[in-house]
Amino acid sequence: MSLLEECCLDCPYCGEPISVLVDCSIDQQTYVEDCQVCCRPIVLQVAVDEQGYPQVYALREDE
């Protein structure tokens, strides 16, 4: 498992599939990244498990 993993998810605004790079060296993190399609801000909540695999949750900024 590398320190940066590409994760695919759907934008919570437009529903289009997007990909984000996740830093797996940090166990838990929350940050905002703009959708590559509609440019709206997505709140990404990331948790990395013991094997180094990320779980990524995408939320609207107003949730």
PDB file of N, CA and C in Angstrom:
ATOM      1  N   MET A   1       0.850  -1.181   0.000  1.00  0.00           N
ATOM      2  CA  MET A   1       0.000   0.000   0.000  1.00  0.00           C
ATOM      3  C   MET A   1       0.893   1.241   0.000  1.00  0.00           C
ATOM      4  N   SER A   2       0.652   2.132  -0.928  1.00  0.00           N
ATOM      5  CA  SER A   2       1.441   3.363  -0.999  1.00  0.00           C
ATOM      6  C   SER A   2       0.842   4.420  -0.082  1.00  0.00           C
ATOM      7  N   LEU A   3       1.582   5.500   0.133  1.00  0.00           N
ATOM      8  CA  LEU A   3       1.086   6.562   1.004  1.00  0.00           C
ATOM      9  C   LEU A   3      -0.049   7.343   0.367  1.00  0.00           C
ATOM     10  N   LEU A   4      -0.062   7.447  -0.952  1.00  0.00           N
ATOM     11  CA  LEU A   4      -1.157   8.112  -1.657  1.00  0.00           C
ATOM     12  C   LEU A   4      -1.948   7.070  -2.436  1.00  0.00           C
ATOM     13  N   GLU A   5      -3.249   7.024  -2.173  1.00  0.00           N
ATOM     14  CA  GLU A   5      -4.131   6.091  -2.870  1.00  0.00           C
ATOM     15  C   GLU A   5      -5.180   6.874  -3.636  1.00  0.00           C
ATOM     16  N   GLU A   6      -5.460   6.455  -4.848  1.00  0.00           N
ATOM     17  CA  GLU A   6      -6.535   7.065  -5.621  1.00  0.00           C
ATOM     18  C   GLU A   6      -7.835   6.349  -5.268  1.00  0.00           C
ATOM     19  N   CYS A   7      -8.837   7.114  -4.860  1.00  0.00           N
ATOM     20  CA  CYS A   7     -10.140   6.567  -4.500  1.00  0.00           C
ATOM     21  C   CYS A   7     -11.198   7.149  -5.429  1.00  0.00           C
ATOM     22  N   CYS A   8     -12.111   6.307  -5.862  1.00  0.00           N
ATOM     23  CA  CYS A   8     -13.198   6.747  -6.739  1.00  0.00           C
ATOM     24  C   CYS A   8     -14.484   6.817  -5.928  1.00  0.00           C
ATOM     25  N   LEU A   9     -15.247   7.873  -6.153  1.00  0.00           N
ATOM     26  CA  LEU A   9     -16.512   8.070  -5.451  1.00  0.00           C
ATOM     27  C   LEU A   9     -17.415   8.940  -6.302  1.00  0.00           C
ATOM     28  N   ASP A  10     -18.665   9.079  -5.874  1.00  0.00           N
ATOM     29  CA  ASP A  10     -19.624   9.919  -6.591  1.00  0.00           C
ATOM     30  C   ASP A  10     -19.773  11.254  -5.876  1.00  0.00           C
ATOM     31  N   CYS A  11     -19.827  12.327  -6.649  1.00  0.00           N
ATOM     32  CA  CYS A  11     -20.035  13.658  -6.084  1.00  0.00           C
ATOM     33  C   CYS A  11     -21.416  13.710  -5.435  1.00  0.00           C
ATOM     34  N   PRO A  12     -21.511  14.207  -4.196  1.00  0.00           N
ATOM     35  CA  PRO A  12     -22.814  14.287  -3.535  1.00  0.00           C
ATOM     36  C   PRO A  12     -23.720  15.376  -4.112  1.00  0.00           C
ATOM     37  N   TYR A  13     -23.197  16.229  -4.969  1.00  0.00           N
ATOM     38  CA  TYR A  13     -23.999  17.283  -5.608  1.00  0.00           C
ATOM     39  C   TYR A  13     -24.511  16.836  -6.975  1.00  0.00           C
ATOM     40  N   CYS A  14     -23.584  16.526  -7.888  1.00  0.00           N
ATOM     41  CA  CYS A  14     -23.972  16.236  -9.274  1.00  0.00           C
ATOM     42  C   CYS A  14     -24.080  14.739  -9.562  1.00  0.00           C
ATOM     43  N   GLY A  15     -23.563  13.894  -8.659  1.00  0.00           N
ATOM     44  CA  GLY A  15     -23.664  12.451  -8.833  1.00  0.00           C
ATOM     45  C   GLY A  15     -22.659  11.845  -9.798  1.00  0.00           C
ATOM     46  N   GLU A  16     -21.797  12.668 -10.366  1.00  0.00           N
ATOM     47  CA  GLU A  16     -20.800  12.162 -11.317  1.00  0.00           C
ATOM     48  C   GLU A  16     -19.657  11.462 -10.572  1.00  0.00           C
ATOM     49  N   PRO A  17     -19.102  10.413 -11.170  1.00  0.00           N
ATOM     50  CA  PRO A  17     -17.951   9.756 -10.550  1.00  0.00           C
ATOM     51  C   PRO A  17     -16.709  10.646 -10.643  1.00  0.00           C
ATOM     52  N   ILE A  18     -15.976  10.722  -9.535  1.00  0.00           N
ATOM     53  CA  ILE A  18     -14.735  11.495  -9.486  1.00  0.00           C
ATOM     54  C   ILE A  18     -13.675  10.653  -8.773  1.00  0.00           C
ATOM     55  N   SER A  19     -12.436  11.062  -8.884  1.00  0.00           N
ATOM     56  CA  SER A  19     -11.367  10.387  -8.159  1.00  0.00           C
ATOM     57  C   SER A  19     -10.622  11.412  -7.315  1.00  0.00           C
ATOM     58  N   VAL A  20     -10.188  10.974  -6.146  1.00  0.00           N
ATOM     59  CA  VAL A  20      -9.430  11.833  -5.239  1.00  0.00           C
ATOM     60  C   VAL A  20      -8.206  11.059  -4.761  1.00  0.00           C
ATOM     61  N   LEU A  21      -7.142  11.780  -4.468  1.00  0.00           N
ATOM     62  CA  LEU A  21      -5.955  11.176  -3.875  1.00  0.00           C
ATOM     63  C   LEU A  21      -6.045  11.317  -2.364  1.00  0.00           C
ATOM     64  N   VAL A  22      -5.835  10.215  -1.664  1.00  0.00           N
ATOM     65  CA  VAL A  22      -5.945  10.189  -0.207  1.00  0.00           C
ATOM     66  C   VAL A  22      -4.578   9.870   0.380  1.00  0.00           C
ATOM     67  N   ASP A  23      -4.174  10.634   1.382  1.00  0.00           N
ATOM     68  CA  ASP A  23      -2.915  10.410   2.095  1.00  0.00           C
ATOM     69  C   ASP A  23      -3.152   9.340   3.160  1.00  0.00           C
ATOM     70  N   CYS A  24      -2.641   8.139   2.941  1.00  0.00           N
ATOM     71  CA  CYS A  24      -2.872   7.021   3.856  1.00  0.00           C
ATOM     72  C   CYS A  24      -1.930   7.018   5.056  1.00  0.00           C
ATOM     73  N   SER A  25      -1.048   8.006   5.160  1.00  0.00           N
ATOM     74  CA  SER A  25      -0.151   8.077   6.312  1.00  0.00           C
ATOM     75  C   SER A  25      -0.842   8.704   7.521  1.00  0.00           C
ATOM     76  N   ILE A  26      -2.049   9.250   7.325  1.00  0.00           N
ATOM     77  CA  ILE A  26      -2.824   9.865   8.407  1.00  0.00           C
ATOM     78  C   ILE A  26      -4.048   8.991   8.655  1.00  0.00           C
ATOM     79  N   ASP A  27      -4.233   8.534   9.909  1.00  0.00           N
ATOM     80  CA  ASP A  27      -5.321   7.602  10.234  1.00  0.00           C
ATOM     81  C   ASP A  27      -6.709   8.165   9.953  1.00  0.00           C
ATOM     82  N   GLN A  28      -6.968   9.393  10.416  1.00  0.00           N
ATOM     83  CA  GLN A  28      -8.276  10.022  10.208  1.00  0.00           C
ATOM     84  C   GLN A  28      -8.068  11.465   9.808  1.00  0.00           C
ATOM     85  N   GLN A  29      -8.844  11.895   8.818  1.00  0.00           N
ATOM     86  CA  GLN A  29      -8.723  13.276   8.367  1.00  0.00           C
ATOM     87  C   GLN A  29     -10.028  13.720   7.725  1.00  0.00           C
ATOM     88  N   THR A  30     -10.246  15.008   7.755  1.00  0.00           N
ATOM     89  CA  THR A  30     -11.387  15.631   7.090  1.00  0.00           C
ATOM     90  C   THR A  30     -10.858  16.836   6.335  1.00  0.00           C
ATOM     91  N   TYR A  31     -11.210  16.932   5.076  1.00  0.00           N
ATOM     92  CA  TYR A  31     -10.788  18.086   4.295  1.00  0.00           C
ATOM     93  C   TYR A  31     -11.793  18.345   3.182  1.00  0.00           C
ATOM     94  N   VAL A  32     -11.671  19.492   2.542  1.00  0.00           N
ATOM     95  CA  VAL A  32     -12.589  19.905   1.480  1.00  0.00           C
ATOM     96  C   VAL A  32     -11.840  19.910   0.154  1.00  0.00           C
ATOM     97  N   GLU A  33     -12.470  19.318  -0.850  1.00  0.00           N
ATOM     98  CA  GLU A  33     -11.911  19.309  -2.201  1.00  0.00           C
ATOM     99  C   GLU A  33     -13.050  19.591  -3.176  1.00  0.00           C
ATOM    100  N   ASP A  34     -12.784  20.397  -4.186  1.00  0.00           N
ATOM    101  CA  ASP A  34     -13.819  20.727  -5.165  1.00  0.00           C
ATOM    102  C   ASP A  34     -14.042  19.566  -6.127  1.00  0.00           C
ATOM    103  N   CYS A  35     -15.317  19.372  -6.506  1.00  0.00           N
ATOM    104  CA  CYS A  35     -15.666  18.364  -7.501  1.00  0.00           C
ATOM    105  C   CYS A  35     -15.001  18.727  -8.824  1.00  0.00           C
ATOM    106  N   GLN A  36     -14.450  17.737  -9.500  1.00  0.00           N
ATOM    107  CA  GLN A  36     -13.782  17.961 -10.780  1.00  0.00           C
ATOM    108  C   GLN A  36     -14.778  18.243 -11.900  1.00  0.00           C
ATOM    109  N   VAL A  37     -16.075  17.947 -11.667  1.00  0.00           N
ATOM    110  CA  VAL A  37     -17.095  18.137 -12.695  1.00  0.00           C
ATOM    111  C   VAL A  37     -17.884  19.424 -12.463  1.00  0.00           C
ATOM    112  N   CYS A  38     -18.490  19.562 -11.260  1.00  0.00           N
ATOM    113  CA  CYS A  38     -19.369  20.712 -11.004  1.00  0.00           C
ATOM    114  C   CYS A  38     -18.713  21.811 -10.169  1.00  0.00           C
ATOM    115  N   CYS A  39     -17.498  21.577  -9.679  1.00  0.00           N
ATOM    116  CA  CYS A  39     -16.696  22.551  -8.922  1.00  0.00           C
ATOM    117  C   CYS A  39     -17.271  22.923  -7.557  1.00  0.00           C
ATOM    118  N   ARG A  40     -18.239  22.186  -7.055  1.00  0.00           N
ATOM    119  CA  ARG A  40     -18.771  22.467  -5.713  1.00  0.00           C
ATOM    120  C   ARG A  40     -17.866  21.830  -4.662  1.00  0.00           C
ATOM    121  N   PRO A  41     -17.845  22.412  -3.447  1.00  0.00           N
ATOM    122  CA  PRO A  41     -16.956  21.895  -2.397  1.00  0.00           C
ATOM    123  C   PRO A  41     -17.508  20.623  -1.750  1.00  0.00           C
ATOM    124  N   ILE A  42     -16.702  19.580  -1.749  1.00  0.00           N
ATOM    125  CA  ILE A  42     -17.071  18.299  -1.147  1.00  0.00           C
ATOM    126  C   ILE A  42     -16.256  18.117   0.127  1.00  0.00           C
ATOM    127  N   VAL A  43     -16.936  17.787   1.227  1.00  0.00           N
ATOM    128  CA  VAL A  43     -16.247  17.465   2.473  1.00  0.00           C
ATOM    129  C   VAL A  43     -15.902  15.981   2.422  1.00  0.00           C
ATOM    130  N   LEU A  44     -14.626  15.675   2.489  1.00  0.00           N
ATOM    131  CA  LEU A  44     -14.161  14.293   2.465  1.00  0.00           C
ATOM    132  C   LEU A  44     -13.734  13.880   3.864  1.00  0.00           C
ATOM    133  N   GLN A  45     -14.352  12.824   4.363  1.00  0.00           N
ATOM    134  CA  GLN A  45     -13.964  12.250   5.646  1.00  0.00           C
ATOM    135  C   GLN A  45     -13.265  10.934   5.337  1.00  0.00           C
ATOM    136  N   VAL A  46     -12.034  10.812   5.803  1.00  0.00           N
ATOM    137  CA  VAL A  46     -11.205   9.657   5.469  1.00  0.00           C
ATOM    138  C   VAL A  46     -10.775   8.958   6.749  1.00  0.00           C
ATOM    139  N   ALA A  47     -10.921   7.641   6.763  1.00  0.00           N
ATOM    140  CA  ALA A  47     -10.406   6.812   7.848  1.00  0.00           C
ATOM    141  C   ALA A  47      -9.591   5.695   7.206  1.00  0.00           C
ATOM    142  N   VAL A  48      -8.373   5.502   7.680  1.00  0.00           N
ATOM    143  CA  VAL A  48      -7.491   4.461   7.146  1.00  0.00           C
ATOM    144  C   VAL A  48      -7.476   3.302   8.133  1.00  0.00           C
ATOM    145  N   ASP A  49      -7.768   2.087   7.643  1.00  0.00           N
ATOM    146  CA  ASP A  49      -7.819   0.934   8.542  1.00  0.00           C
ATOM    147  C   ASP A  49      -6.412   0.421   8.863  1.00  0.00           C
ATOM    148  N   GLU A  50      -6.341  -0.632   9.672  1.00  0.00           N
ATOM    149  CA  GLU A  50      -5.056  -1.152  10.145  1.00  0.00           C
ATOM    150  C   GLU A  50      -4.181  -1.699   9.019  1.00  0.00           C
ATOM    151  N   GLN A  51      -4.803  -2.140   7.924  1.00  0.00           N
ATOM    152  CA  GLN A  51      -4.042  -2.642   6.780  1.00  0.00           C
ATOM    153  C   GLN A  51      -3.618  -1.525   5.833  1.00  0.00           C
ATOM    154  N   GLY A  52      -4.044  -0.282   6.124  1.00  0.00           N
ATOM    155  CA  GLY A  52      -3.663   0.852   5.295  1.00  0.00           C
ATOM    156  C   GLY A  52      -4.632   1.191   4.186  1.00  0.00           C
ATOM    157  N   TYR A  53      -5.827   0.577   4.212  1.00  0.00           N
ATOM    158  CA  TYR A  53      -6.830   0.850   3.178  1.00  0.00           C
ATOM    159  C   TYR A  53      -7.754   1.981   3.616  1.00  0.00           C
ATOM    160  N   PRO A  54      -7.947   2.980   2.765  1.00  0.00           N
ATOM    161  CA  PRO A  54      -8.790   4.122   3.141  1.00  0.00           C
ATOM    162  C   PRO A  54     -10.278   3.866   2.912  1.00  0.00           C
ATOM    163  N   GLN A  55     -11.092   4.385   3.818  1.00  0.00           N
ATOM    164  CA  GLN A  55     -12.544   4.464   3.664  1.00  0.00           C
ATOM    165  C   GLN A  55     -12.840   5.942   3.489  1.00  0.00           C
ATOM    166  N   VAL A  56     -13.459   6.314   2.375  1.00  0.00           N
ATOM    167  CA  VAL A  56     -13.697   7.720   2.068  1.00  0.00           C
ATOM    168  C   VAL A  56     -15.195   7.969   1.989  1.00  0.00           C
ATOM    169  N   TYR A  57     -15.653   8.992   2.714  1.00  0.00           N
ATOM    170  CA  TYR A  57     -17.053   9.399   2.699  1.00  0.00           C
ATOM    171  C   TYR A  57     -17.124  10.818   2.160  1.00  0.00           C
ATOM    172  N   ALA A  58     -17.975  11.027   1.163  1.00  0.00           N
ATOM    173  CA  ALA A  58     -18.131  12.344   0.549  1.00  0.00           C
ATOM    174  C   ALA A  58     -19.453  12.947   0.993  1.00  0.00           C
ATOM    175  N   LEU A  59     -19.389  14.158   1.533  1.00  0.00           N
ATOM    176  CA  LEU A  59     -20.579  14.848   2.028  1.00  0.00           C
ATOM    177  C   LEU A  59     -20.692  16.222   1.393  1.00  0.00           C
ATOM    178  N   ARG A  60     -21.929  16.690   1.290  1.00  0.00           N
ATOM    179  CA  ARG A  60     -22.141  18.068   0.864  1.00  0.00           C
ATOM    180  C   ARG A  60     -21.660  18.981   1.981  1.00  0.00           C
ATOM    181  N   GLU A  61     -21.245  20.171   1.633  1.00  0.00           N
ATOM    182  CA  GLU A  61     -20.734  21.101   2.640  1.00  0.00           C
ATOM    183  C   GLU A  61     -21.822  21.514   3.627  1.00  0.00           C
ATOM    184  N   ASP A  62     -23.091  21.479   3.212  1.00  0.00           N
ATOM    185  CA  ASP A  62     -24.187  21.899   4.089  1.00  0.00           C
ATOM    186  C   ASP A  62     -24.765  20.754   4.918  1.00  0.00           C
ATOM    187  N   GLU A  63     -24.169  19.558   4.884  1.00  0.00           N
ATOM    188  CA  GLU A  63     -24.660  18.422   5.671  1.00  0.00           C
ATOM    189  C   GLU A  63     -24.048  18.430   7.049  1.00  0.00           C
TER     190      GLU A  63
END
